[in-house]
PDB file of N, CA and C in Angstrom:
ATOM      1  N   MET A   1     -30.489 -20.759  -6.873  1.00  0.00           N
ATOM      2  CA  MET A   1     -30.716 -20.462  -5.818  1.00  0.00           C
ATOM      3  C   MET A   1     -29.952 -18.987  -5.094  1.00  0.00           C
ATOM      4  N   LYS A   2     -30.364 -18.241  -4.152  1.00  0.00           N
ATOM      5  CA  LYS A   2     -29.847 -17.208  -3.911  1.00  0.00           C
ATOM      6  C   LYS A   2     -28.370 -17.331  -3.264  1.00  0.00           C
ATOM      7  N   LYS A   3     -27.365 -16.852  -3.211  1.00  0.00           N
ATOM      8  CA  LYS A   3     -26.278 -17.082  -2.179  1.00  0.00           C
ATOM      9  C   LYS A   3     -26.703 -16.459  -1.303  1.00  0.00           C
ATOM     10  N   ASN A   4     -25.906 -16.666  -0.159  1.00  0.00           N
ATOM     11  CA  ASN A   4     -26.295 -15.787   1.486  1.00  0.00           C
ATOM     12  C   ASN A   4     -25.523 -14.423   1.295  1.00  0.00           C
ATOM     13  N   LYS A   5     -26.102 -13.724   1.802  1.00  0.00           N
ATOM     14  CA  LYS A   5     -25.971 -12.153   1.831  1.00  0.00           C
ATOM     15  C   LYS A   5     -24.517 -11.598   2.182  1.00  0.00           C
ATOM     16  N   LEU A   6     -24.142 -12.566   3.324  1.00  0.00           N
ATOM     17  CA  LEU A   6     -22.874 -12.688   4.138  1.00  0.00           C
ATOM     18  C   LEU A   6     -21.716 -12.783   2.910  1.00  0.00           C
ATOM     19  N   ILE A   7     -21.938 -14.105   2.158  1.00  0.00           N
ATOM     20  CA  ILE A   7     -21.085 -14.407   1.248  1.00  0.00           C
ATOM     21  C   ILE A   7     -20.928 -13.426   0.149  1.00  0.00           C
ATOM     22  N   ARG A   8     -21.824 -12.901  -0.281  1.00  0.00           N
ATOM     23  CA  ARG A   8     -21.868 -11.948  -1.414  1.00  0.00           C
ATOM     24  C   ARG A   8     -21.133 -10.613  -1.149  1.00  0.00           C
ATOM     25  N   LEU A   9     -21.492 -10.335   0.339  1.00  0.00           N
ATOM     26  CA  LEU A   9     -20.847  -9.410   0.702  1.00  0.00           C
ATOM     27  C   LEU A   9     -19.270  -9.461   0.576  1.00  0.00           C
ATOM     28  N   ARG A  10     -18.915 -10.603   1.443  1.00  0.00           N
ATOM     29  CA  ARG A  10     -17.241 -10.955   1.606  1.00  0.00           C
ATOM     30  C   ARG A  10     -16.668 -11.074  -0.206  1.00  0.00           C
ATOM     31  N   LYS A  11     -17.495 -11.347  -0.948  1.00  0.00           N
ATOM     32  CA  LYS A  11     -16.927 -11.337  -2.308  1.00  0.00           C
ATOM     33  C   LYS A  11     -16.450 -10.068  -2.800  1.00  0.00           C
ATOM     34  N   LYS A  12     -16.986  -8.931  -2.213  1.00  0.00           N
ATOM     35  CA  LYS A  12     -16.745  -7.695  -2.529  1.00  0.00           C
ATOM     36  C   LYS A  12     -15.807  -7.262  -1.857  1.00  0.00           C
ATOM     37  N   PHE A  13     -15.153  -7.743  -0.604  1.00  0.00           N
ATOM     38  CA  PHE A  13     -13.850  -7.291  -0.055  1.00  0.00           C
ATOM     39  C   PHE A  13     -12.467  -7.499  -0.965  1.00  0.00           C
ATOM     40  N   ILE A  14     -12.647  -8.318  -1.636  1.00  0.00           N
ATOM     41  CA  ILE A  14     -11.866  -8.681  -2.552  1.00  0.00           C
ATOM     42  C   ILE A  14     -11.484  -7.494  -3.857  1.00  0.00           C
ATOM     43  N   ILE A  15     -12.658  -7.297  -4.329  1.00  0.00           N
ATOM     44  CA  ILE A  15     -12.805  -6.419  -5.527  1.00  0.00           C
ATOM     45  C   ILE A  15     -12.281  -5.365  -4.802  1.00  0.00           C
ATOM     46  N   TYR A  16     -12.728  -4.664  -3.438  1.00  0.00           N
ATOM     47  CA  TYR A  16     -12.346  -3.403  -2.989  1.00  0.00           C
ATOM     48  C   TYR A  16     -11.226  -3.269  -2.254  1.00  0.00           C
ATOM     49  N   ASN A  17     -10.824  -4.488  -2.350  1.00  0.00           N
ATOM     50  CA  ASN A  17      -9.427  -4.651  -1.334  1.00  0.00           C
ATOM     51  C   ASN A  17      -9.592  -4.089   0.054  1.00  0.00           C
ATOM     52  N   ILE A  18     -10.528  -4.532   0.842  1.00  0.00           N
ATOM     53  CA  ILE A  18     -11.066  -4.575   2.179  1.00  0.00           C
ATOM     54  C   ILE A  18     -10.552  -5.960   3.318  1.00  0.00           C
ATOM     55  N   ASP A  19     -10.742  -5.673   4.106  1.00  0.00           N
ATOM     56  CA  ASP A  19     -10.855  -6.749   5.004  1.00  0.00           C
ATOM     57  C   ASP A  19     -11.992  -7.059   5.949  1.00  0.00           C
ATOM     58  N   GLY A  20     -12.767  -6.008   5.803  1.00  0.00           N
ATOM     59  CA  GLY A  20     -14.211  -6.064   6.512  1.00  0.00           C
ATOM     60  C   GLY A  20     -14.903  -4.799   6.027  1.00  0.00           C
ATOM     61  N   TYR A  21     -16.341  -4.634   6.653  1.00  0.00           N
ATOM     62  CA  TYR A  21     -17.162  -3.659   6.492  1.00  0.00           C
ATOM     63  C   TYR A  21     -18.097  -3.424   7.652  1.00  0.00           C
ATOM     64  N   ILE A  22     -18.507  -2.225   7.974  1.00  0.00           N
ATOM     65  CA  ILE A  22     -19.303  -2.127   9.106  1.00  0.00           C
ATOM     66  C   ILE A  22     -20.705  -1.367   8.355  1.00  0.00           C
ATOM     67  N   ILE A  23     -21.492  -1.786   8.928  1.00  0.00           N
ATOM     68  CA  ILE A  23     -22.841  -1.314   8.708  1.00  0.00           C
ATOM     69  C   ILE A  23     -23.953  -0.794  10.188  1.00  0.00           C
ATOM     70  N   PRO A  24     -24.118   0.592   9.846  1.00  0.00           N
ATOM     71  CA  PRO A  24     -24.700   1.037  11.162  1.00  0.00           C
ATOM     72  C   PRO A  24     -26.461   0.544  11.015  1.00  0.00           C
ATOM     73  N   LYS A  25     -27.035   1.139  11.723  1.00  0.00           N
ATOM     74  CA  LYS A  25     -28.634   0.982  11.703  1.00  0.00           C
ATOM     75  C   LYS A  25     -29.323   2.459  10.788  1.00  0.00           C
ATOM     76  N   ASN A  26     -28.464   3.479  11.250  1.00  0.00           N
ATOM     77  CA  ASN A  26     -28.957   4.916  10.638  1.00  0.00           C
ATOM     78  C   ASN A  26     -29.119   4.907   9.155  1.00  0.00           C
ATOM     79  N   ASP A  27     -29.828   5.787   8.374  1.00  0.00           N
ATOM     80  CA  ASP A  27     -29.617   5.750   6.928  1.00  0.00           C
ATOM     81  C   ASP A  27     -28.788   7.096   6.989  1.00  0.00           C
ATOM     82  N   GLU A  28     -28.704   7.777   5.624  1.00  0.00           N
ATOM     83  CA  GLU A  28     -27.796   8.964   5.694  1.00  0.00           C
ATOM     84  C   GLU A  28     -28.545  10.119   6.237  1.00  0.00           C
ATOM     85  N   PHE A  29     -29.899   9.974   6.642  1.00  0.00           N
ATOM     86  CA  PHE A  29     -30.597  11.438   6.901  1.00  0.00           C
ATOM     87  C   PHE A  29     -30.390  11.294   8.736  1.00  0.00           C
ATOM     88  N   PHE A  30     -29.990  10.283   9.058  1.00  0.00           N
ATOM     89  CA  PHE A  30     -29.561  10.275  10.920  1.00  0.00           C
ATOM     90  C   PHE A  30     -30.849  10.723  11.460  1.00  0.00           C
ATOM     91  N   GLY A  31     -32.109  10.051  10.788  1.00  0.00           N
ATOM     92  CA  GLY A  31     -33.379  10.469  11.569  1.00  0.00           C
ATOM     93  C   GLY A  31     -33.683   9.307  12.610  1.00  0.00           C
ATOM     94  N   GLU A  32     -34.682   9.710  13.424  1.00  0.00           N
ATOM     95  CA  GLU A  32     -35.267   8.379  14.282  1.00  0.00           C
ATOM     96  C   GLU A  32     -35.455   7.259  13.795  1.00  0.00           C
ATOM     97  N   TYR A  33     -36.226   7.520  12.474  1.00  0.00           N
ATOM     98  CA  TYR A  33     -36.758   5.984  11.704  1.00  0.00           C
ATOM     99  C   TYR A  33     -35.850   5.976  10.283  1.00  0.00           C
ATOM    100  N   VAL A  34     -35.866   4.699  10.235  1.00  0.00           N
ATOM    101  CA  VAL A  34     -35.276   4.326   8.943  1.00  0.00           C
ATOM    102  C   VAL A  34     -36.021   3.830   8.071  1.00  0.00           C
ATOM    103  N   ASP A  35     -36.187   4.421   6.826  1.00  0.00           N
ATOM    104  CA  ASP A  35     -37.393   3.913   5.802  1.00  0.00           C
ATOM    105  C   ASP A  35     -36.898   2.568   5.480  1.00  0.00           C
ATOM    106  N   PRO A  36     -37.825   1.779   5.237  1.00  0.00           N
ATOM    107  CA  PRO A  36     -37.709   0.062   4.951  1.00  0.00           C
ATOM    108  C   PRO A  36     -36.600  -0.337   3.945  1.00  0.00           C
ATOM    109  N   SER A  37     -36.652   0.867   2.759  1.00  0.00           N
ATOM    110  CA  SER A  37     -35.844   0.696   1.691  1.00  0.00           C
ATOM    111  C   SER A  37     -34.185   1.027   2.313  1.00  0.00           C
ATOM    112  N   ASN A  38     -34.428   1.614   3.367  1.00  0.00           N
ATOM    113  CA  ASN A  38     -32.457   1.604   3.799  1.00  0.00           C
ATOM    114  C   ASN A  38     -32.328   0.808   4.940  1.00  0.00           C
ATOM    115  N   GLU A  39     -33.102  -0.184   4.906  1.00  0.00           N
ATOM    116  CA  GLU A  39     -32.788  -1.162   6.143  1.00  0.00           C
ATOM    117  C   GLU A  39     -31.586  -2.007   6.280  1.00  0.00           C
ATOM    118  N   ARG A  40     -30.173  -1.437   5.911  1.00  0.00           N
ATOM    119  CA  ARG A  40     -29.139  -2.369   5.974  1.00  0.00           C
ATOM    120  C   ARG A  40     -28.873  -3.080   6.484  1.00  0.00           C
ATOM    121  N   LEU A  41     -29.082  -2.925   8.085  1.00  0.00           N
ATOM    122  CA  LEU A  41     -28.711  -3.691   8.923  1.00  0.00           C
ATOM    123  C   LEU A  41     -29.744  -4.813   9.160  1.00  0.00           C
ATOM    124  N   LYS A  42     -30.842  -4.388   8.817  1.00  0.00           N
ATOM    125  CA  LYS A  42     -31.918  -5.764   8.907  1.00  0.00           C
ATOM    126  C   LYS A  42     -31.901  -6.430   7.692  1.00  0.00           C
ATOM    127  N   TYR A  43     -31.547  -5.947   6.458  1.00  0.00           N
ATOM    128  CA  TYR A  43     -31.244  -6.741   5.239  1.00  0.00           C
ATOM    129  C   TYR A  43     -30.134  -7.889   5.397  1.00  0.00           C
ATOM    130  N   LEU A  44     -29.197  -7.511   5.967  1.00  0.00           N
ATOM    131  CA  LEU A  44     -27.891  -8.316   5.999  1.00  0.00           C
ATOM    132  C   LEU A  44     -27.853  -9.330   7.208  1.00  0.00           C
ATOM    133  N   THR A  45     -28.438  -8.660   8.409  1.00  0.00           N
ATOM    134  CA  THR A  45     -28.522  -9.579   9.680  1.00  0.00           C
ATOM    135  C   THR A  45     -29.584 -10.254  10.190  1.00  0.00           C
ATOM    136  N   GLY A  46     -30.959  -9.666   9.845  1.00  0.00           N
ATOM    137  CA  GLY A  46     -32.299 -10.046  10.059  1.00  0.00           C
ATOM    138  C   GLY A  46     -32.681  -9.163  11.235  1.00  0.00           C
ATOM    139  N   PHE A  47     -31.919  -8.255  11.597  1.00  0.00           N
ATOM    140  CA  PHE A  47     -32.040  -7.779  13.303  1.00  0.00           C
ATOM    141  C   PHE A  47     -32.888  -6.405  12.940  1.00  0.00           C
ATOM    142  N   SER A  48     -34.133  -6.481  13.446  1.00  0.00           N
ATOM    143  CA  SER A  48     -35.259  -5.416  13.217  1.00  0.00           C
ATOM    144  C   SER A  48     -35.406  -3.930  14.137  1.00  0.00           C
ATOM    145  N   GLY A  49     -34.269  -4.413  14.957  1.00  0.00           N
ATOM    146  CA  GLY A  49     -34.487  -3.173  16.394  1.00  0.00           C
ATOM    147  C   GLY A  49     -33.872  -1.954  15.850  1.00  0.00           C
ATOM    148  N   SER A  50     -34.141  -0.817  16.788  1.00  0.00           N
ATOM    149  CA  SER A  50     -33.698   0.618  16.684  1.00  0.00           C
ATOM    150  C   SER A  50     -32.399   0.804  16.513  1.00  0.00           C
ATOM    151  N   ALA A  51     -31.563   0.217  17.172  1.00  0.00           N
ATOM    152  CA  ALA A  51     -30.300   0.594  17.359  1.00  0.00           C
ATOM    153  C   ALA A  51     -29.465  -0.712  17.113  1.00  0.00           C
ATOM    154  N   GLY A  52     -28.064  -0.620  16.642  1.00  0.00           N
ATOM    155  CA  GLY A  52     -27.266  -1.719  16.443  1.00  0.00           C
ATOM    156  C   GLY A  52     -26.556  -1.278  15.268  1.00  0.00           C
ATOM    157  N   GLN A  53     -25.540  -2.182  14.989  1.00  0.00           N
ATOM    158  CA  GLN A  53     -24.436  -2.228  14.054  1.00  0.00           C
ATOM    159  C   GLN A  53     -23.902  -3.454  13.594  1.00  0.00           C
ATOM    160  N   ALA A  54     -23.271  -3.644  12.594  1.00  0.00           N
ATOM    161  CA  ALA A  54     -22.466  -4.987  12.351  1.00  0.00           C
ATOM    162  C   ALA A  54     -21.290  -4.558  11.778  1.00  0.00           C
ATOM    163  N   LEU A  55     -20.438  -5.752  12.349  1.00  0.00           N
ATOM    164  CA  LEU A  55     -19.159  -5.706  11.620  1.00  0.00           C
ATOM    165  C   LEU A  55     -18.761  -6.761  11.198  1.00  0.00           C
ATOM    166  N   VAL A  56     -18.513  -7.114   9.675  1.00  0.00           N
ATOM    167  CA  VAL A  56     -18.286  -8.125   9.009  1.00  0.00           C
ATOM    168  C   VAL A  56     -16.666  -8.429   8.678  1.00  0.00           C
ATOM    169  N   LEU A  57     -16.051  -9.294   8.882  1.00  0.00           N
ATOM    170  CA  LEU A  57     -15.044  -9.635   8.614  1.00  0.00           C
ATOM    171  C   LEU A  57     -14.713 -10.806   7.654  1.00  0.00           C
ATOM    172  N   LYS A  58     -13.668 -11.316   6.846  1.00  0.00           N
ATOM    173  CA  LYS A  58     -13.504 -12.178   6.156  1.00  0.00           C
ATOM    174  C   LYS A  58     -13.983 -13.537   6.681  1.00  0.00           C
ATOM    175  N   ASN A  59     -13.535 -13.601   8.219  1.00  0.00           N
ATOM    176  CA  ASN A  59     -14.080 -15.071   8.663  1.00  0.00           C
ATOM    177  C   ASN A  59     -15.322 -15.111   9.745  1.00  0.00           C
ATOM    178  N   LYS A  60     -15.493 -13.920  10.401  1.00  0.00           N
ATOM    179  CA  LYS A  60     -16.370 -13.635  11.352  1.00  0.00           C
ATOM    180  C   LYS A  60     -17.244 -12.570  10.981  1.00  0.00           C
ATOM    181  N   ALA A  61     -18.220 -12.458  11.915  1.00  0.00           N
ATOM    182  CA  ALA A  61     -19.392 -11.588  11.790  1.00  0.00           C
ATOM    183  C   ALA A  61     -20.062 -11.195  12.877  1.00  0.00           C
ATOM    184  N   PHE A  62     -20.374 -10.042  13.152  1.00  0.00           N
ATOM    185  CA  PHE A  62     -20.741  -9.442  14.505  1.00  0.00           C
ATOM    186  C   PHE A  62     -21.959  -8.568  14.434  1.00  0.00           C
ATOM    187  N   LEU A  63     -23.006  -8.829  15.185  1.00  0.00           N
ATOM    188  CA  LEU A  63     -23.729  -7.758  15.459  1.00  0.00           C
ATOM    189  C   LEU A  63     -23.927  -7.357  16.942  1.00  0.00           C
ATOM    190  N   PHE A  64     -23.816  -5.850  16.748  1.00  0.00           N
ATOM    191  CA  PHE A  64     -23.449  -5.101  17.929  1.00  0.00           C
ATOM    192  C   PHE A  64     -24.873  -4.344  18.492  1.00  0.00           C
ATOM    193  N   VAL A  65     -25.417  -4.870  19.841  1.00  0.00           N
ATOM    194  CA  VAL A  65     -26.452  -4.347  20.436  1.00  0.00           C
ATOM    195  C   VAL A  65     -26.349  -3.908  21.805  1.00  0.00           C
ATOM    196  N   ASP A  66     -27.433  -2.999  22.190  1.00  0.00           N
ATOM    197  CA  ASP A  66     -27.254  -2.791  23.611  1.00  0.00           C
ATOM    198  C   ASP A  66     -28.342  -3.673  24.394  1.00  0.00           C
ATOM    199  N   GLY A  67     -28.195  -3.390  25.705  1.00  0.00           N
ATOM    200  CA  GLY A  67     -28.972  -4.275  26.301  1.00  0.00           C
ATOM    201  C   GLY A  67     -30.424  -4.295  26.064  1.00  0.00           C
ATOM    202  N   ARG A  68     -30.998  -3.352  25.561  1.00  0.00           N
ATOM    203  CA  ARG A  68     -32.352  -3.367  25.121  1.00  0.00           C
ATOM    204  C   ARG A  68     -32.874  -4.407  24.226  1.00  0.00           C
ATOM    205  N   TYR A  69     -31.808  -4.971  23.571  1.00  0.00           N
ATOM    206  CA  TYR A  69     -32.281  -5.446  22.019  1.00  0.00           C
ATOM    207  C   TYR A  69     -31.765  -7.106  22.040  1.00  0.00           C
ATOM    208  N   THR A  70     -30.976  -7.475  23.376  1.00  0.00           N
ATOM    209  CA  THR A  70     -30.512  -8.925  23.529  1.00  0.00           C
ATOM    210  C   THR A  70     -31.289  -9.733  22.904  1.00  0.00           C
ATOM    211  N   LEU A  71     -32.377 -10.048  23.897  1.00  0.00           N
ATOM    212  CA  LEU A  71     -33.313 -11.123  23.457  1.00  0.00           C
ATOM    213  C   LEU A  71     -33.990 -11.086  22.227  1.00  0.00           C
ATOM    214  N   GLN A  72     -34.241  -9.659  21.771  1.00  0.00           N
ATOM    215  CA  GLN A  72     -34.390  -9.612  20.143  1.00  0.00           C
ATOM    216  C   GLN A  72     -33.494 -10.095  19.408  1.00  0.00           C
ATOM    217  N   ALA A  73     -32.327  -9.608  19.271  1.00  0.00           N
ATOM    218  CA  ALA A  73     -31.397 -10.029  18.283  1.00  0.00           C
ATOM    219  C   ALA A  73     -31.132 -11.510  18.609  1.00  0.00           C
ATOM    220  N   GLN A  74     -31.081 -12.048  19.635  1.00  0.00           N
ATOM    221  CA  GLN A  74     -30.912 -13.339  19.514  1.00  0.00           C
ATOM    222  C   GLN A  74     -31.807 -14.186  18.877  1.00  0.00           C
ATOM    223  N   LYS A  75     -33.322 -13.597  18.831  1.00  0.00           N
ATOM    224  CA  LYS A  75     -34.274 -14.435  18.049  1.00  0.00           C
ATOM    225  C   LYS A  75     -34.154 -14.271  16.401  1.00  0.00           C
ATOM    226  N   GLU A  76     -33.778 -13.075  16.114  1.00  0.00           N
ATOM    227  CA  GLU A  76     -33.654 -12.512  14.555  1.00  0.00           C
ATOM    228  C   GLU A  76     -32.588 -12.766  14.064  1.00  0.00           C
ATOM    229  N   ILE A  77     -31.252 -12.802  14.644  1.00  0.00           N
ATOM    230  CA  ILE A  77     -30.200 -13.072  14.157  1.00  0.00           C
ATOM    231  C   ILE A  77     -29.999 -13.757  13.164  1.00  0.00           C
ATOM    232  N   LYS A  78     -29.381 -13.423  12.139  1.00  0.00           N
ATOM    233  CA  LYS A  78     -29.167 -14.958  10.815  1.00  0.00           C
ATOM    234  C   LYS A  78     -27.978 -15.643  11.043  1.00  0.00           C
ATOM    235  N   LYS A  79     -27.892 -16.947  10.467  1.00  0.00           N
ATOM    236  CA  LYS A  79     -26.496 -17.834  10.639  1.00  0.00           C
ATOM    237  C   LYS A  79     -25.397 -16.865  10.081  1.00  0.00           C
ATOM    238  N   GLY A  80     -24.393 -17.135  10.975  1.00  0.00           N
ATOM    239  CA  GLY A  80     -23.216 -16.511  10.225  1.00  0.00           C
ATOM    240  C   GLY A  80     -22.632 -15.030  11.236  1.00  0.00           C
ATOM    241  N   PHE A  81     -23.768 -14.727  12.045  1.00  0.00           N
ATOM    242  CA  PHE A  81     -23.580 -13.524  12.981  1.00  0.00           C
ATOM    243  C   PHE A  81     -23.374 -14.175  14.426  1.00  0.00           C
ATOM    244  N   LYS A  82     -22.250 -13.438  15.038  1.00  0.00           N
ATOM    245  CA  LYS A  82     -22.622 -13.674  16.474  1.00  0.00           C
ATOM    246  C   LYS A  82     -22.853 -12.187  16.947  1.00  0.00           C
ATOM    247  N   MET A  83     -23.964 -12.345  18.174  1.00  0.00           N
ATOM    248  CA  MET A  83     -24.423 -11.188  18.465  1.00  0.00           C
ATOM    249  C   MET A  83     -23.408 -10.829  19.879  1.00  0.00           C
ATOM    250  N   VAL A  84     -23.218  -9.547  19.891  1.00  0.00           N
ATOM    251  CA  VAL A  84     -22.258  -8.838  20.929  1.00  0.00           C
ATOM    252  C   VAL A  84     -23.101  -7.895  21.614  1.00  0.00           C
ATOM    253  N   GLU A  85     -23.024  -7.663  22.983  1.00  0.00           N
ATOM    254  CA  GLU A  85     -23.576  -6.563  23.652  1.00  0.00           C
ATOM    255  C   GLU A  85     -22.440  -5.450  23.737  1.00  0.00           C
ATOM    256  N   ILE A  86     -22.754  -4.167  23.133  1.00  0.00           N
ATOM    257  CA  ILE A  86     -21.951  -3.193  22.883  1.00  0.00           C
ATOM    258  C   ILE A  86     -21.176  -2.773  24.023  1.00  0.00           C
ATOM    259  N   HIS A  87     -21.722  -2.648  25.287  1.00  0.00           N
ATOM    260  CA  HIS A  87     -21.572  -2.181  26.583  1.00  0.00           C
ATOM    261  C   HIS A  87     -20.054  -3.097  27.148  1.00  0.00           C
ATOM    262  N   LYS A  88     -20.277  -4.345  26.329  1.00  0.00           N
ATOM    263  CA  LYS A  88     -19.017  -5.717  26.944  1.00  0.00           C
ATOM    264  C   LYS A  88     -17.897  -5.496  25.953  1.00  0.00           C
ATOM    265  N   THR A  89     -18.492  -5.415  24.594  1.00  0.00           N
ATOM    266  CA  THR A  89     -16.849  -5.507  23.602  1.00  0.00           C
ATOM    267  C   THR A  89     -17.723  -4.238  22.627  1.00  0.00           C
ATOM    268  N   LYS A  90     -16.665  -3.483  22.044  1.00  0.00           N
ATOM    269  CA  LYS A  90     -16.886  -2.477  21.389  1.00  0.00           C
ATOM    270  C   LYS A  90     -16.202  -2.884  19.888  1.00  0.00           C
ATOM    271  N   PRO A  91     -16.616  -2.446  18.699  1.00  0.00           N
ATOM    272  CA  PRO A  91     -16.167  -2.602  17.609  1.00  0.00           C
ATOM    273  C   PRO A  91     -14.639  -2.571  17.632  1.00  0.00           C
ATOM    274  N   LEU A  92     -14.521  -1.625  17.964  1.00  0.00           N
ATOM    275  CA  LEU A  92     -12.912  -1.169  17.924  1.00  0.00           C
ATOM    276  C   LEU A  92     -12.101  -2.244  18.505  1.00  0.00           C
ATOM    277  N   GLU A  93     -12.544  -2.902  19.706  1.00  0.00           N
ATOM    278  CA  GLU A  93     -11.870  -3.782  20.638  1.00  0.00           C
ATOM    279  C   GLU A  93     -11.723  -5.135  19.702  1.00  0.00           C
ATOM    280  N   ILE A  94     -12.340  -5.590  18.913  1.00  0.00           N
ATOM    281  CA  ILE A  94     -12.340  -6.572  17.845  1.00  0.00           C
ATOM    282  C   ILE A  94     -11.278  -6.485  17.004  1.00  0.00           C
ATOM    283  N   LEU A  95     -11.493  -5.323  16.607  1.00  0.00           N
ATOM    284  CA  LEU A  95     -10.288  -4.794  15.453  1.00  0.00           C
ATOM    285  C   LEU A  95      -9.126  -4.804  16.103  1.00  0.00           C
ATOM    286  N   LYS A  96      -8.854  -4.303  17.032  1.00  0.00           N
ATOM    287  CA  LYS A  96      -7.504  -4.115  17.748  1.00  0.00           C
ATOM    288  C   LYS A  96      -6.995  -5.954  17.909  1.00  0.00           C
ATOM    289  N   LYS A  97      -7.713  -6.782  18.276  1.00  0.00           N
ATOM    290  CA  LYS A  97      -7.284  -8.102  18.673  1.00  0.00           C
ATOM    291  C   LYS A  97      -6.801  -8.818  17.450  1.00  0.00           C
ATOM    292  N   ASN A  98      -6.850  -8.313  16.199  1.00  0.00           N
ATOM    293  CA  ASN A  98      -6.095  -8.820  15.040  1.00  0.00           C
ATOM    294  C   ASN A  98      -4.419  -8.525  15.138  1.00  0.00           C
ATOM    295  N   LYS A  99      -3.774  -9.305  14.361  1.00  0.00           N
ATOM    296  CA  LYS A  99      -2.478  -8.974  14.567  1.00  0.00           C
ATOM    297  C   LYS A  99      -2.082  -8.292  13.500  1.00  0.00           C
ATOM    298  N   LYS A 100      -2.787  -8.130  12.480  1.00  0.00           N
ATOM    299  CA  LYS A 100      -2.349  -7.131  11.202  1.00  0.00           C
ATOM    300  C   LYS A 100      -3.144  -6.201  11.388  1.00  0.00           C
ATOM    301  N   LYS A 101      -2.878  -5.231  10.731  1.00  0.00           N
ATOM    302  CA  LYS A 101      -3.694  -3.848  10.585  1.00  0.00           C
ATOM    303  C   LYS A 101      -4.901  -4.313   9.502  1.00  0.00           C
ATOM    304  N   LEU A 102      -5.972  -3.814   9.749  1.00  0.00           N
ATOM    305  CA  LEU A 102      -7.032  -4.023   8.499  1.00  0.00           C
ATOM    306  C   LEU A 102      -7.387  -2.990   8.100  1.00  0.00           C
ATOM    307  N   ILE A 103      -7.879  -3.100   6.909  1.00  0.00           N
ATOM    308  CA  ILE A 103      -8.622  -2.152   6.190  1.00  0.00           C
ATOM    309  C   ILE A 103     -10.608  -2.342   6.071  1.00  0.00           C
ATOM    310  N   ILE A 104     -11.259  -1.388   7.002  1.00  0.00           N
ATOM    311  CA  ILE A 104     -12.505  -1.664   6.746  1.00  0.00           C
ATOM    312  C   ILE A 104     -13.113  -0.621   6.319  1.00  0.00           C
ATOM    313  N   GLY A 105     -14.222  -1.081   5.517  1.00  0.00           N
ATOM    314  CA  GLY A 105     -14.737  -0.489   4.667  1.00  0.00           C
ATOM    315  C   GLY A 105     -16.422  -0.052   5.397  1.00  0.00           C
ATOM    316  N   PHE A 106     -16.612   0.985   4.773  1.00  0.00           N
ATOM    317  CA  PHE A 106     -17.987   1.840   5.070  1.00  0.00           C
ATOM    318  C   PHE A 106     -18.451   2.432   4.162  1.00  0.00           C
ATOM    319  N   ASP A 107     -19.859   3.134   4.087  1.00  0.00           N
ATOM    320  CA  ASP A 107     -20.518   3.656   3.455  1.00  0.00           C
ATOM    321  C   ASP A 107     -20.429   5.370   3.755  1.00  0.00           C
ATOM    322  N   PRO A 108     -19.454   6.139   3.423  1.00  0.00           N
ATOM    323  CA  PRO A 108     -19.502   7.640   3.927  1.00  0.00           C
ATOM    324  C   PRO A 108     -20.891   8.292   4.293  1.00  0.00           C
ATOM    325  N   LYS A 109     -22.015   7.975   3.584  1.00  0.00           N
ATOM    326  CA  LYS A 109     -23.010   8.965   3.688  1.00  0.00           C
ATOM    327  C   LYS A 109     -23.650   8.582   4.867  1.00  0.00           C
ATOM    328  N   LEU A 110     -23.214   7.225   5.686  1.00  0.00           N
ATOM    329  CA  LEU A 110     -24.086   6.661   6.857  1.00  0.00           C
ATOM    330  C   LEU A 110     -22.992   7.468   8.043  1.00  0.00           C
ATOM    331  N   TYR A 111     -22.137   8.159   8.068  1.00  0.00           N
ATOM    332  CA  TYR A 111     -21.450   8.575   9.330  1.00  0.00           C
ATOM    333  C   TYR A 111     -21.177  10.349   9.020  1.00  0.00           C
ATOM    334  N   THR A 112     -21.125  10.651  10.216  1.00  0.00           N
ATOM    335  CA  THR A 112     -20.807  12.261  10.295  1.00  0.00           C
ATOM    336  C   THR A 112     -19.266  12.341  10.128  1.00  0.00           C
ATOM    337  N   GLN A 113     -18.510  13.578  10.034  1.00  0.00           N
ATOM    338  CA  GLN A 113     -17.400  13.738  10.206  1.00  0.00           C
ATOM    339  C   GLN A 113     -17.115  14.282  11.474  1.00  0.00           C
ATOM    340  N   ALA A 114     -16.018  13.770  12.222  1.00  0.00           N
ATOM    341  CA  ALA A 114     -15.570  14.117  13.641  1.00  0.00           C
ATOM    342  C   ALA A 114     -14.490  14.608  13.831  1.00  0.00           C
TER     343      ALA A 114
END
């Protein structure tokens, strides 16, 4: 039997010495549409909407969506994730609540330099 994707991702935290991982909806091309082979967010969370991101920590996992997708996310979200409306709570706010500094992993191809 396959292990839960969330469990498999968290096992990588030990290998890469990280406390969490963030997964955006977009792919490395930043286009309007994401090819099904690059649907990282859907693969992990089950959410198929066109906007959102996930934050996976060692003991918690969040799916952030805007108001357009709350109903859809509630229907599609996989066990282990908590849906959060991004206009109410942003990922950074959740990270700041931790008492220790966290190392969050990400795929650099999926973000632009700021």
